[in-house]
Amino acid sequence: MDKFQAFGKNFKDSFMPVAARTGQYFREQLGQVDDKTELPPDYIELEKRIDALKQVHQKMLSVTSQYTHEAYDYPTNIRESFNDLGRTVSEKVSLLSNANSPAEAAAAMTAPPAAKPQPKTLSHALARASLNSSHTLTQNSASGGSASGGGGEDPLATALENYAVASEKVGEARLAQDAAIQARFLAGWSTTLNTNLQFATRARKQVENARLSLDAAKARAKSGGAGFGGMGQKRDGGVMDEEHLSEEARAEIEAKEDEFVAQTEEAVGVMKNVRTVMLSGKWFWFADVDVQVLDTPEPLRNLAELIAAQLEYHKKAFEILSELAPVVDQLQVEQEASYRKSREGQ
């Protein structure tokens, strides 16, 4: 019997508060509640700032998370073979330079693959396509069994080979950029969104639960004390008259008010701390610090890291292509001169 009574008490203690909150919530949603306990203005302001912070992280991460996918710029319409992805362009160029016959050059292009497949990026794909094109031209222009390094090189083949090497370097720079962004930007912002902001979400939920419990208790008192054994009576206009509340009703409402105030104060502290914690990875407790002091530079620091990684990538790409451009320009000038000379001799 004692166990049954204990079970009944535990069930009542755990179920009744949830039922009261749920009932109050649905009455509010149906417009059956005339008044609700108001939240403090500073709490509402903090909620707006936290919501804005969450939206910023979601929007930025929805785009920048692409940096975690190697093939975000890889052409979807190409089909590269196992041999295409087997060795780096640089390795194949080295093998081609040591080839002494067309057969050896062909073997260099189909050399056994390395342990790791080559990256699938636009720049790497361009590199592989350019080298394959260069090899095709070399095979067809070779005469007398000369290898790819022979004296009768095709200018376009040479330019394509140089472009292949440069494109692979650009691709490697892009991968380095992606790794830097993942480590210095995405890691911090993802932690904030998926972990640190959850502290604020849970604290705000506790405040909402406390408010619903308080308003549910007030509603019972207003309706005549249902559930409290005559704790109060419904007064004119439906306004609760505290003088007619029973001690039990008054005590419960006061307890609910204390809980609501305590949960609100705790949530304010948590939300302020989220502003401090959000990207630093550490907790700092400043219960009485003004909110403006908590506008840390961490988001800008991480954004600066994102920009720095992009800048480094574009700088390297510029340097690589700047070295390549005059080489290809010179090949073009020489080919045009040779073409004009051949036309003049006709």
C-alpha atoms as a PDB file:
ATOM      1  CA  MET A   1       0.000   0.000   0.000  1.00  0.00           C
ATOM      2  CA  ASP A   2       2.835   2.352   0.876  1.00  0.00           C
ATOM      3  CA  LYS A   3       4.497   1.632  -2.475  1.00  0.00           C
ATOM      4  CA  PHE A   4       1.225   2.336  -4.284  1.00  0.00           C
ATOM      5  CA  GLN A   5       0.803   5.634  -2.445  1.00  0.00           C
ATOM      6  CA  ALA A   6       4.410   6.571  -3.199  1.00  0.00           C
ATOM      7  CA  PHE A   7       3.877   5.769  -6.864  1.00  0.00           C
ATOM      8  CA  GLY A   8       0.739   7.871  -6.923  1.00  0.00           C
ATOM      9  CA  LYS A   9       2.543  10.795  -5.319  1.00  0.00           C
ATOM     10  CA  ASN A  10       5.478  10.558  -7.733  1.00  0.00           C
ATOM     11  CA  PHE A  11       3.087  10.340 -10.679  1.00  0.00           C
ATOM     12  CA  LYS A  12       1.190  13.400  -9.466  1.00  0.00           C
ATOM     13  CA  ASP A  13       4.374  15.373  -8.837  1.00  0.00           C
ATOM     14  CA  SER A  14       5.767  14.603 -12.280  1.00  0.00           C
ATOM     15  CA  PHE A  15       2.628  14.520 -14.429  1.00  0.00           C
ATOM     16  CA  MET A  16       0.463  17.292 -13.013  1.00  0.00           C
ATOM     17  CA  PRO A  17       2.951  20.145 -13.642  1.00  0.00           C
ATOM     18  CA  VAL A  18       3.399  19.002 -17.245  1.00  0.00           C
ATOM     19  CA  ALA A  19      -0.341  18.708 -17.724  1.00  0.00           C
ATOM     20  CA  ALA A  20      -0.893  22.171 -16.249  1.00  0.00           C
ATOM     21  CA  ARG A  21       1.723  23.741 -18.532  1.00  0.00           C
ATOM     22  CA  THR A  22       0.360  21.926 -21.575  1.00  0.00           C
ATOM     23  CA  GLY A  23      -3.176  23.007 -20.830  1.00  0.00           C
ATOM     24  CA  GLN A  24      -2.099  26.608 -20.340  1.00  0.00           C
ATOM     25  CA  TYR A  25      -0.129  26.531 -23.599  1.00  0.00           C
ATOM     26  CA  PHE A  26      -3.090  25.295 -25.641  1.00  0.00           C
ATOM     27  CA  ARG A  27      -5.448  27.808 -24.039  1.00  0.00           C
ATOM     28  CA  GLU A  28      -3.058  30.569 -25.064  1.00  0.00           C
ATOM     29  CA  GLN A  29      -2.813  29.230 -28.590  1.00  0.00           C
ATOM     30  CA  LEU A  30      -6.623  29.166 -28.839  1.00  0.00           C
ATOM     31  CA  GLY A  31      -6.911  32.744 -27.597  1.00  0.00           C
ATOM     32  CA  GLN A  32      -8.655  31.750 -24.370  1.00  0.00           C
ATOM     33  CA  VAL A  33      -6.246  33.673 -22.143  1.00  0.00           C
ATOM     34  CA  ASP A  34      -6.762  37.366 -21.436  1.00  0.00           C
ATOM     35  CA  ASP A  35      -3.398  38.086 -19.888  1.00  0.00           C
ATOM     36  CA  LYS A  36       0.021  36.483 -19.711  1.00  0.00           C
ATOM     37  CA  THR A  37       2.880  37.131 -17.348  1.00  0.00           C
ATOM     38  CA  GLU A  38       5.195  39.552 -19.115  1.00  0.00           C
ATOM     39  CA  LEU A  39       8.890  38.903 -19.533  1.00  0.00           C
ATOM     40  CA  PRO A  40      11.406  41.572 -18.505  1.00  0.00           C
ATOM     41  CA  PRO A  41      12.422  43.960 -21.332  1.00  0.00           C
ATOM     42  CA  ASP A  42      16.131  43.120 -20.990  1.00  0.00           C
ATOM     43  CA  TYR A  43      15.273  39.418 -21.293  1.00  0.00           C
ATOM     44  CA  ILE A  44      13.260  40.002 -24.467  1.00  0.00           C
ATOM     45  CA  GLU A  45      16.111  42.059 -25.925  1.00  0.00           C
ATOM     46  CA  LEU A  46      18.567  39.263 -25.198  1.00  0.00           C
ATOM     47  CA  GLU A  47      16.263  36.744 -26.861  1.00  0.00           C
ATOM     48  CA  LYS A  48      16.174  38.878 -30.012  1.00  0.00           C
ATOM     49  CA  ARG A  49      19.965  39.132 -30.068  1.00  0.00           C
ATOM     50  CA  ILE A  50      20.418  35.406 -29.557  1.00  0.00           C
ATOM     51  CA  ASP A  51      17.909  34.683 -32.326  1.00  0.00           C
ATOM     52  CA  ALA A  52      19.755  37.065 -34.639  1.00  0.00           C
ATOM     53  CA  LEU A  53      23.056  35.403 -33.763  1.00  0.00           C
ATOM     54  CA  LYS A  54      21.574  31.997 -34.538  1.00  0.00           C
ATOM     55  CA  GLN A  55      20.226  33.186 -37.898  1.00  0.00           C
ATOM     56  CA  VAL A  56      23.613  34.637 -38.830  1.00  0.00           C
ATOM     57  CA  HIS A  57      25.360  31.358 -38.073  1.00  0.00           C
ATOM     58  CA  GLN A  58      22.782  29.322 -39.968  1.00  0.00           C
ATOM     59  CA  LYS A  59      22.965  31.527 -43.061  1.00  0.00           C
ATOM     60  CA  MET A  60      26.748  31.676 -43.167  1.00  0.00           C
ATOM     61  CA  LEU A  61      27.224  27.977 -42.468  1.00  0.00           C
ATOM     62  CA  SER A  62      24.655  26.989 -45.092  1.00  0.00           C
ATOM     63  CA  VAL A  63      27.030  28.426 -47.701  1.00  0.00           C
ATOM     64  CA  THR A  64      30.511  28.052 -46.206  1.00  0.00           C
ATOM     65  CA  SER A  65      29.898  24.405 -45.293  1.00  0.00           C
ATOM     66  CA  GLN A  66      30.566  23.704 -48.962  1.00  0.00           C
ATOM     67  CA  TYR A  67      34.245  24.033 -48.129  1.00  0.00           C
ATOM     68  CA  THR A  68      33.999  20.650 -46.414  1.00  0.00           C
ATOM     69  CA  HIS A  69      33.126  18.987 -49.739  1.00  0.00           C
ATOM     70  CA  GLU A  70      36.182  18.535 -51.913  1.00  0.00           C
ATOM     71  CA  ALA A  71      34.208  18.301 -55.157  1.00  0.00           C
ATOM     72  CA  TYR A  72      32.081  21.451 -54.724  1.00  0.00           C
ATOM     73  CA  ASP A  73      33.402  22.863 -58.020  1.00  0.00           C
ATOM     74  CA  TYR A  74      34.069  19.559 -59.778  1.00  0.00           C
ATOM     75  CA  PRO A  75      32.278  19.331 -63.157  1.00  0.00           C
ATOM     76  CA  THR A  76      29.325  16.985 -62.966  1.00  0.00           C
ATOM     77  CA  ASN A  77      29.323  16.224 -66.692  1.00  0.00           C
ATOM     78  CA  ILE A  78      32.776  14.641 -66.966  1.00  0.00           C
ATOM     79  CA  ARG A  79      33.676  10.984 -66.532  1.00  0.00           C
ATOM     80  CA  GLU A  80      37.263  10.407 -65.494  1.00  0.00           C
ATOM     81  CA  SER A  81      38.750   6.941 -65.592  1.00  0.00           C
ATOM     82  CA  PHE A  82      40.646   5.051 -62.927  1.00  0.00           C
ATOM     83  CA  ASN A  83      43.903   5.867 -64.734  1.00  0.00           C
ATOM     84  CA  ASP A  84      42.972   9.551 -64.934  1.00  0.00           C
ATOM     85  CA  LEU A  85      42.743   9.697 -61.159  1.00  0.00           C
ATOM     86  CA  GLY A  86      45.680   7.373 -60.537  1.00  0.00           C
ATOM     87  CA  ARG A  87      48.686   9.707 -60.419  1.00  0.00           C
ATOM     88  CA  THR A  88      49.254  13.408 -60.061  1.00  0.00           C
ATOM     89  CA  VAL A  89      49.888  15.526 -63.126  1.00  0.00           C
ATOM     90  CA  SER A  90      53.341  16.362 -61.820  1.00  0.00           C
ATOM     91  CA  GLU A  91      54.198  12.675 -61.527  1.00  0.00           C
ATOM     92  CA  LYS A  92      52.995  11.978 -65.045  1.00  0.00           C
ATOM     93  CA  VAL A  93      54.926  14.936 -66.467  1.00  0.00           C
ATOM     94  CA  SER A  94      58.059  13.647 -64.765  1.00  0.00           C
ATOM     95  CA  LEU A  95      57.529  10.186 -66.237  1.00  0.00           C
ATOM     96  CA  LEU A  96      56.873  11.674 -69.682  1.00  0.00           C
ATOM     97  CA  SER A  97      60.062  13.707 -69.555  1.00  0.00           C
ATOM     98  CA  ASN A  98      62.051  10.502 -69.044  1.00  0.00           C
ATOM     99  CA  ALA A  99      60.259   8.601 -71.811  1.00  0.00           C
ATOM    100  CA  ASN A 100      62.468   7.656 -74.788  1.00  0.00           C
ATOM    101  CA  SER A 101      59.737   6.367 -77.084  1.00  0.00           C
ATOM    102  CA  PRO A 102      56.032   6.786 -77.765  1.00  0.00           C
ATOM    103  CA  ALA A 103      55.446   3.440 -76.071  1.00  0.00           C
ATOM    104  CA  GLU A 104      57.169   4.657 -72.885  1.00  0.00           C
ATOM    105  CA  ALA A 105      55.225   7.903 -73.048  1.00  0.00           C
ATOM    106  CA  ALA A 106      51.965   5.951 -73.312  1.00  0.00           C
ATOM    107  CA  ALA A 107      53.046   3.783 -70.399  1.00  0.00           C
ATOM    108  CA  ALA A 108      53.729   6.922 -68.328  1.00  0.00           C
ATOM    109  CA  MET A 109      50.128   8.046 -68.836  1.00  0.00           C
ATOM    110  CA  THR A 110      48.811   4.694 -67.609  1.00  0.00           C
ATOM    111  CA  ALA A 111      51.328   4.110 -64.803  1.00  0.00           C
ATOM    112  CA  PRO A 112      50.077   2.169 -61.776  1.00  0.00           C
ATOM    113  CA  PRO A 113      47.954   4.432 -59.575  1.00  0.00           C
ATOM    114  CA  ALA A 114      49.141   5.894 -56.305  1.00  0.00           C
ATOM    115  CA  ALA A 115      47.603   4.798 -53.022  1.00  0.00           C
ATOM    116  CA  LYS A 116      45.183   7.753 -52.883  1.00  0.00           C
ATOM    117  CA  PRO A 117      42.972   8.840 -55.791  1.00  0.00           C
ATOM    118  CA  GLN A 118      43.630  12.335 -57.061  1.00  0.00           C
ATOM    119  CA  PRO A 119      41.378  15.172 -55.869  1.00  0.00           C
ATOM    120  CA  LYS A 120      38.171  15.955 -57.671  1.00  0.00           C
ATOM    121  CA  THR A 121      38.297  19.720 -58.043  1.00  0.00           C
ATOM    122  CA  LEU A 122      37.808  21.898 -61.098  1.00  0.00           C
ATOM    123  CA  SER A 123      41.495  22.847 -61.193  1.00  0.00           C
ATOM    124  CA  HIS A 124      42.650  19.250 -60.870  1.00  0.00           C
ATOM    125  CA  ALA A 125      40.201  18.192 -63.576  1.00  0.00           C
ATOM    126  CA  LEU A 126      41.535  20.946 -65.834  1.00  0.00           C
ATOM    127  CA  ALA A 127      45.063  19.762 -65.132  1.00  0.00           C
ATOM    128  CA  ARG A 128      44.269  16.162 -66.041  1.00  0.00           C
ATOM    129  CA  ALA A 129      42.326  17.159 -69.149  1.00  0.00           C
ATOM    130  CA  SER A 130      45.141  19.456 -70.283  1.00  0.00           C
ATOM    131  CA  LEU A 131      47.844  16.828 -69.797  1.00  0.00           C
ATOM    132  CA  ASN A 132      45.807  14.191 -71.630  1.00  0.00           C
ATOM    133  CA  SER A 133      45.241  16.660 -74.466  1.00  0.00           C
ATOM    134  CA  SER A 134      48.925  17.502 -74.562  1.00  0.00           C
ATOM    135  CA  HIS A 135      49.826  13.815 -74.733  1.00  0.00           C
ATOM    136  CA  THR A 136      47.312  13.253 -77.542  1.00  0.00           C
ATOM    137  CA  LEU A 137      48.836  16.070 -79.604  1.00  0.00           C
ATOM    138  CA  THR A 138      52.364  14.859 -78.901  1.00  0.00           C
ATOM    139  CA  GLN A 139      51.541  11.323 -80.008  1.00  0.00           C
ATOM    140  CA  ASN A 140      50.040  12.531 -83.272  1.00  0.00           C
ATOM    141  CA  SER A 141      52.757  15.102 -84.053  1.00  0.00           C
ATOM    142  CA  ALA A 142      55.720  12.893 -83.145  1.00  0.00           C
ATOM    143  CA  SER A 143      57.796  11.772 -86.120  1.00  0.00           C
ATOM    144  CA  GLY A 144      60.539   9.255 -86.484  1.00  0.00           C
ATOM    145  CA  GLY A 145      59.653   7.692 -83.100  1.00  0.00           C
ATOM    146  CA  SER A 146      60.576  10.850 -81.173  1.00  0.00           C
ATOM    147  CA  ALA A 147      59.345  10.996 -77.617  1.00  0.00           C
ATOM    148  CA  SER A 148      57.321  13.788 -76.072  1.00  0.00           C
ATOM    149  CA  GLY A 149      60.522  15.628 -75.257  1.00  0.00           C
ATOM    150  CA  GLY A 150      61.818  15.540 -78.871  1.00  0.00           C
ATOM    151  CA  GLY A 151      62.738  18.499 -81.011  1.00  0.00           C
ATOM    152  CA  GLY A 152      59.509  18.566 -83.008  1.00  0.00           C
ATOM    153  CA  GLU A 153      57.253  19.531 -80.126  1.00  0.00           C
ATOM    154  CA  ASP A 154      53.820  20.922 -80.848  1.00  0.00           C
ATOM    155  CA  PRO A 155      53.540  24.448 -79.318  1.00  0.00           C
ATOM    156  CA  LEU A 156      49.961  23.799 -78.233  1.00  0.00           C
ATOM    157  CA  ALA A 157      50.988  20.517 -76.624  1.00  0.00           C
ATOM    158  CA  THR A 158      53.759  22.286 -74.730  1.00  0.00           C
ATOM    159  CA  ALA A 159      51.401  25.051 -73.609  1.00  0.00           C
ATOM    160  CA  LEU A 160      48.821  22.531 -72.456  1.00  0.00           C
ATOM    161  CA  GLU A 161      51.420  20.621 -70.458  1.00  0.00           C
ATOM    162  CA  ASN A 162      52.513  23.815 -68.724  1.00  0.00           C
ATOM    163  CA  TYR A 163      48.897  24.727 -68.079  1.00  0.00           C
ATOM    164  CA  ALA A 164      48.296  21.268 -66.610  1.00  0.00           C
ATOM    165  CA  VAL A 165      51.123  21.675 -64.104  1.00  0.00           C
ATOM    166  CA  ALA A 166      49.941  25.170 -63.170  1.00  0.00           C
ATOM    167  CA  SER A 167      46.308  24.074 -62.775  1.00  0.00           C
ATOM    168  CA  GLU A 168      47.309  21.280 -60.437  1.00  0.00           C
ATOM    169  CA  LYS A 169      49.185  23.798 -58.280  1.00  0.00           C
ATOM    170  CA  VAL A 170      46.105  26.016 -58.224  1.00  0.00           C
ATOM    171  CA  GLY A 171      44.032  23.001 -57.194  1.00  0.00           C
ATOM    172  CA  GLU A 172      46.407  22.228 -54.337  1.00  0.00           C
ATOM    173  CA  ALA A 173      46.174  25.844 -53.205  1.00  0.00           C
ATOM    174  CA  ARG A 174      42.389  25.547 -53.219  1.00  0.00           C
ATOM    175  CA  LEU A 175      42.555  22.447 -51.030  1.00  0.00           C
ATOM    176  CA  ALA A 176      44.840  24.295 -48.623  1.00  0.00           C
ATOM    177  CA  GLN A 177      42.311  27.127 -48.508  1.00  0.00           C
ATOM    178  CA  ASP A 178      39.494  24.697 -47.741  1.00  0.00           C
ATOM    179  CA  ALA A 179      41.442  23.079 -44.917  1.00  0.00           C
ATOM    180  CA  ALA A 180      42.205  26.473 -43.378  1.00  0.00           C
ATOM    181  CA  ILE A 181      38.564  27.543 -43.561  1.00  0.00           C
ATOM    182  CA  GLN A 182      37.411  24.302 -41.955  1.00  0.00           C
ATOM    183  CA  ALA A 183      39.862  24.680 -39.073  1.00  0.00           C
ATOM    184  CA  ARG A 184      39.724  28.427 -38.483  1.00  0.00           C
ATOM    185  CA  PHE A 185      36.159  29.334 -39.380  1.00  0.00           C
ATOM    186  CA  LEU A 186      33.764  26.422 -39.725  1.00  0.00           C
ATOM    187  CA  ALA A 187      34.846  24.627 -36.555  1.00  0.00           C
ATOM    188  CA  GLY A 188      34.115  27.614 -34.327  1.00  0.00           C
ATOM    189  CA  TRP A 189      30.869  28.628 -35.953  1.00  0.00           C
ATOM    190  CA  SER A 190      29.550  25.052 -36.043  1.00  0.00           C
ATOM    191  CA  THR A 191      30.325  24.597 -32.349  1.00  0.00           C
ATOM    192  CA  THR A 192      28.465  27.788 -31.548  1.00  0.00           C
ATOM    193  CA  LEU A 193      25.385  26.792 -33.499  1.00  0.00           C
ATOM    194  CA  ASN A 194      25.231  23.151 -32.459  1.00  0.00           C
ATOM    195  CA  THR A 195      26.480  23.379 -28.886  1.00  0.00           C
ATOM    196  CA  ASN A 196      26.844  26.772 -27.224  1.00  0.00           C
ATOM    197  CA  LEU A 197      23.570  28.255 -28.458  1.00  0.00           C
ATOM    198  CA  GLN A 198      21.806  25.155 -27.162  1.00  0.00           C
ATOM    199  CA  PHE A 199      22.538  26.321 -23.614  1.00  0.00           C
ATOM    200  CA  ALA A 200      20.538  29.457 -24.327  1.00  0.00           C
ATOM    201  CA  THR A 201      17.757  27.440 -25.964  1.00  0.00           C
ATOM    202  CA  ARG A 202      17.415  25.170 -22.934  1.00  0.00           C
ATOM    203  CA  ALA A 203      17.476  28.113 -20.534  1.00  0.00           C
ATOM    204  CA  ARG A 204      14.768  29.895 -22.523  1.00  0.00           C
ATOM    205  CA  LYS A 205      12.669  26.732 -22.505  1.00  0.00           C
ATOM    206  CA  GLN A 206      12.898  26.609 -18.714  1.00  0.00           C
ATOM    207  CA  VAL A 207      11.709  30.208 -18.538  1.00  0.00           C
ATOM    208  CA  GLU A 208       8.744  29.414 -20.780  1.00  0.00           C
ATOM    209  CA  ASN A 209       7.876  26.374 -18.651  1.00  0.00           C
ATOM    210  CA  ALA A 210       8.073  28.456 -15.475  1.00  0.00           C
ATOM    211  CA  ARG A 211       5.847  31.153 -16.974  1.00  0.00           C
ATOM    212  CA  LEU A 212       3.268  28.618 -18.134  1.00  0.00           C
ATOM    213  CA  SER A 213       3.226  27.000 -14.691  1.00  0.00           C
ATOM    214  CA  LEU A 214       2.755  30.384 -13.031  1.00  0.00           C
ATOM    215  CA  ASP A 215      -0.042  31.442 -15.358  1.00  0.00           C
ATOM    216  CA  ALA A 216      -1.710  28.037 -15.015  1.00  0.00           C
ATOM    217  CA  ALA A 217      -1.722  28.451 -11.219  1.00  0.00           C
ATOM    218  CA  LYS A 218      -3.195  31.941 -11.550  1.00  0.00           C
ATOM    219  CA  ALA A 219      -5.815  30.644 -13.970  1.00  0.00           C
ATOM    220  CA  ARG A 220      -6.910  27.953 -11.535  1.00  0.00           C
ATOM    221  CA  ALA A 221      -7.231  30.543  -8.804  1.00  0.00           C
ATOM    222  CA  LYS A 222      -9.254  32.825 -11.083  1.00  0.00           C
ATOM    223  CA  SER A 223     -11.597  29.998 -12.071  1.00  0.00           C
ATOM    224  CA  GLY A 224     -12.546  29.274  -8.496  1.00  0.00           C
ATOM    225  CA  GLY A 225      -9.801  27.048  -7.164  1.00  0.00           C
ATOM    226  CA  ALA A 226     -10.216  23.908  -9.202  1.00  0.00           C
ATOM    227  CA  GLY A 227      -7.582  21.502  -7.992  1.00  0.00           C
ATOM    228  CA  PHE A 228      -6.823  23.458  -4.820  1.00  0.00           C
ATOM    229  CA  GLY A 229      -9.860  22.645  -2.682  1.00  0.00           C
ATOM    230  CA  GLY A 230     -11.463  26.072  -2.546  1.00  0.00           C
ATOM    231  CA  MET A 231      -8.342  28.125  -2.812  1.00  0.00           C
ATOM    232  CA  GLY A 232     -10.205  31.026  -4.343  1.00  0.00           C
ATOM    233  CA  GLN A 233     -13.330  32.223  -6.006  1.00  0.00           C
ATOM    234  CA  LYS A 234     -13.965  33.761  -9.407  1.00  0.00           C
ATOM    235  CA  ARG A 235     -14.479  37.473  -8.822  1.00  0.00           C
ATOM    236  CA  ASP A 236     -16.320  40.079 -10.882  1.00  0.00           C
ATOM    237  CA  GLY A 237     -14.923  40.404 -14.381  1.00  0.00           C
ATOM    238  CA  GLY A 238     -12.818  37.291 -13.878  1.00  0.00           C
ATOM    239  CA  VAL A 239     -10.160  39.221 -11.904  1.00  0.00           C
ATOM    240  CA  MET A 240      -8.410  37.227  -9.213  1.00  0.00           C
ATOM    241  CA  ASP A 241      -8.890  38.673  -5.718  1.00  0.00           C
ATOM    242  CA  GLU A 242      -5.822  37.703  -3.713  1.00  0.00           C
ATOM    243  CA  GLU A 243      -7.619  38.437  -0.433  1.00  0.00           C
ATOM    244  CA  HIS A 244      -9.926  35.487  -1.065  1.00  0.00           C
ATOM    245  CA  LEU A 245      -7.168  33.005  -1.931  1.00  0.00           C
ATOM    246  CA  SER A 246      -6.504  30.135   0.396  1.00  0.00           C
ATOM    247  CA  GLU A 247      -3.099  29.838   1.985  1.00  0.00           C
ATOM    248  CA  GLU A 248      -2.405  26.822  -0.213  1.00  0.00           C
ATOM    249  CA  ALA A 249      -3.194  28.745  -3.404  1.00  0.00           C
ATOM    250  CA  ARG A 250      -1.235  31.820  -2.324  1.00  0.00           C
ATOM    251  CA  ALA A 251       1.779  29.716  -1.380  1.00  0.00           C
ATOM    252  CA  GLU A 252       1.786  27.891  -4.714  1.00  0.00           C
ATOM    253  CA  ILE A 253       1.494  31.090  -6.746  1.00  0.00           C
ATOM    254  CA  GLU A 254       4.317  32.683  -4.765  1.00  0.00           C
ATOM    255  CA  ALA A 255       6.465  29.594  -5.305  1.00  0.00           C
ATOM    256  CA  LYS A 256       5.733  29.674  -9.042  1.00  0.00           C
ATOM    257  CA  GLU A 257       6.603  33.370  -9.145  1.00  0.00           C
ATOM    258  CA  ASP A 258       9.909  32.718  -7.384  1.00  0.00           C
ATOM    259  CA  GLU A 259      10.691  29.914  -9.810  1.00  0.00           C
ATOM    260  CA  PHE A 260       9.826  32.141 -12.789  1.00  0.00           C
ATOM    261  CA  VAL A 261      12.069  34.940 -11.521  1.00  0.00           C
ATOM    262  CA  ALA A 262      14.922  32.520 -10.802  1.00  0.00           C
ATOM    263  CA  GLN A 263      14.693  30.865 -14.228  1.00  0.00           C
ATOM    264  CA  THR A 264      14.548  34.259 -15.951  1.00  0.00           C
ATOM    265  CA  GLU A 265      17.630  35.513 -14.119  1.00  0.00           C
ATOM    266  CA  GLU A 266      19.504  32.330 -14.933  1.00  0.00           C
ATOM    267  CA  ALA A 267      18.520  32.526 -18.596  1.00  0.00           C
ATOM    268  CA  VAL A 268      19.680  36.144 -18.796  1.00  0.00           C
ATOM    269  CA  GLY A 269      23.058  35.062 -17.430  1.00  0.00           C
ATOM    270  CA  VAL A 270      23.300  32.138 -19.841  1.00  0.00           C
ATOM    271  CA  MET A 271      22.401  34.260 -22.859  1.00  0.00           C
ATOM    272  CA  LYS A 272      24.953  36.889 -21.884  1.00  0.00           C
ATOM    273  CA  ASN A 273      27.541  34.160 -21.499  1.00  0.00           C
ATOM    274  CA  VAL A 274      26.695  32.772 -24.930  1.00  0.00           C
ATOM    275  CA  ARG A 275      27.719  36.131 -26.318  1.00  0.00           C
ATOM    276  CA  THR A 276      31.087  35.638 -24.619  1.00  0.00           C
ATOM    277  CA  VAL A 277      31.440  31.892 -25.125  1.00  0.00           C
ATOM    278  CA  MET A 278      30.212  31.610 -28.625  1.00  0.00           C
ATOM    279  CA  LEU A 279      33.534  31.106 -30.408  1.00  0.00           C
ATOM    280  CA  SER A 280      36.123  31.130 -27.685  1.00  0.00           C
ATOM    281  CA  GLY A 281      35.427  27.614 -26.443  1.00  0.00           C
ATOM    282  CA  LYS A 282      35.555  28.692 -22.793  1.00  0.00           C
ATOM    283  CA  TRP A 283      32.978  29.697 -20.210  1.00  0.00           C
ATOM    284  CA  PHE A 284      33.128  33.083 -18.483  1.00  0.00           C
ATOM    285  CA  TRP A 285      30.565  34.011 -15.854  1.00  0.00           C
ATOM    286  CA  PHE A 286      29.803  37.730 -15.575  1.00  0.00           C
ATOM    287  CA  ALA A 287      26.436  37.912 -13.878  1.00  0.00           C
ATOM    288  CA  ASP A 288      26.284  41.712 -13.570  1.00  0.00           C
ATOM    289  CA  VAL A 289      28.175  42.760 -16.686  1.00  0.00           C
ATOM    290  CA  ASP A 290      26.346  44.955 -19.162  1.00  0.00           C
ATOM    291  CA  VAL A 291      25.363  43.170 -22.377  1.00  0.00           C
ATOM    292  CA  GLN A 292      27.311  45.608 -24.535  1.00  0.00           C
ATOM    293  CA  VAL A 293      30.571  44.505 -22.898  1.00  0.00           C
ATOM    294  CA  LEU A 294      29.899  40.974 -24.107  1.00  0.00           C
ATOM    295  CA  ASP A 295      30.046  41.860 -27.799  1.00  0.00           C
ATOM    296  CA  THR A 296      33.325  40.028 -28.271  1.00  0.00           C
ATOM    297  CA  PRO A 297      35.478  40.278 -31.425  1.00  0.00           C
ATOM    298  CA  GLU A 298      35.457  36.503 -31.913  1.00  0.00           C
ATOM    299  CA  PRO A 299      33.006  36.478 -34.855  1.00  0.00           C
ATOM    300  CA  LEU A 300      35.087  39.073 -36.679  1.00  0.00           C
ATOM    301  CA  ARG A 301      38.281  37.170 -35.907  1.00  0.00           C
ATOM    302  CA  ASN A 302      36.887  34.051 -37.509  1.00  0.00           C
ATOM    303  CA  LEU A 303      35.530  35.996 -40.446  1.00  0.00           C
ATOM    304  CA  ALA A 304      38.985  37.521 -40.857  1.00  0.00           C
ATOM    305  CA  GLU A 305      40.420  34.001 -40.928  1.00  0.00           C
ATOM    306  CA  LEU A 306      37.945  33.052 -43.654  1.00  0.00           C
ATOM    307  CA  ILE A 307      38.944  36.062 -45.730  1.00  0.00           C
ATOM    308  CA  ALA A 308      42.643  35.436 -45.107  1.00  0.00           C
ATOM    309  CA  ALA A 309      42.338  31.856 -46.356  1.00  0.00           C
ATOM    310  CA  GLN A 310      40.521  33.012 -49.480  1.00  0.00           C
ATOM    311  CA  LEU A 311      43.049  35.769 -50.045  1.00  0.00           C
ATOM    312  CA  GLU A 312      45.969  33.363 -49.719  1.00  0.00           C
ATOM    313  CA  TYR A 313      44.379  31.031 -52.244  1.00  0.00           C
ATOM    314  CA  HIS A 314      43.699  33.746 -54.804  1.00  0.00           C
ATOM    315  CA  LYS A 315      47.157  35.209 -54.242  1.00  0.00           C
ATOM    316  CA  LYS A 316      48.809  31.867 -54.966  1.00  0.00           C
ATOM    317  CA  ALA A 317      46.559  31.303 -57.966  1.00  0.00           C
ATOM    318  CA  PHE A 318      47.517  34.740 -59.275  1.00  0.00           C
ATOM    319  CA  GLU A 319      51.220  34.036 -58.798  1.00  0.00           C
ATOM    320  CA  ILE A 320      51.006  30.627 -60.495  1.00  0.00           C
ATOM    321  CA  LEU A 321      49.068  31.919 -63.488  1.00  0.00           C
ATOM    322  CA  SER A 322      51.256  35.034 -63.706  1.00  0.00           C
ATOM    323  CA  GLU A 323      54.280  32.784 -64.165  1.00  0.00           C
ATOM    324  CA  LEU A 324      52.452  30.673 -66.730  1.00  0.00           C
ATOM    325  CA  ALA A 325      51.006  33.480 -68.860  1.00  0.00           C
ATOM    326  CA  PRO A 326      54.299  34.788 -70.327  1.00  0.00           C
ATOM    327  CA  VAL A 327      55.407  31.233 -71.145  1.00  0.00           C
ATOM    328  CA  VAL A 328      52.242  30.585 -73.140  1.00  0.00           C
ATOM    329  CA  ASP A 329      52.401  34.078 -74.672  1.00  0.00           C
ATOM    330  CA  GLN A 330      55.937  33.395 -75.871  1.00  0.00           C
ATOM    331  CA  LEU A 331      54.862  30.080 -77.390  1.00  0.00           C
ATOM    332  CA  GLN A 332      52.046  31.898 -79.149  1.00  0.00           C
ATOM    333  CA  VAL A 333      54.408  34.597 -80.496  1.00  0.00           C
ATOM    334  CA  GLU A 334      56.857  31.973 -81.760  1.00  0.00           C
ATOM    335  CA  GLN A 335      54.085  29.956 -83.382  1.00  0.00           C
ATOM    336  CA  GLU A 336      52.641  33.012 -85.129  1.00  0.00           C
ATOM    337  CA  ALA A 337      56.103  33.996 -86.383  1.00  0.00           C
ATOM    338  CA  SER A 338      56.679  30.480 -87.696  1.00  0.00           C
ATOM    339  CA  TYR A 339      53.247  30.522 -89.321  1.00  0.00           C
ATOM    340  CA  ARG A 340      53.894  33.829 -91.077  1.00  0.00           C
ATOM    341  CA  LYS A 341      57.288  32.642 -92.236  1.00  0.00           C
ATOM    342  CA  SER A 342      55.775  29.475 -93.677  1.00  0.00           C
ATOM    343  CA  ARG A 343      53.141  31.508 -95.505  1.00  0.00           C
ATOM    344  CA  GLU A 344      55.730  33.870 -96.957  1.00  0.00           C
ATOM    345  CA  GLY A 345      57.724  30.947 -98.346  1.00  0.00           C
ATOM    346  CA  GLN A 346      54.774  29.621-100.319  1.00  0.00           C
END
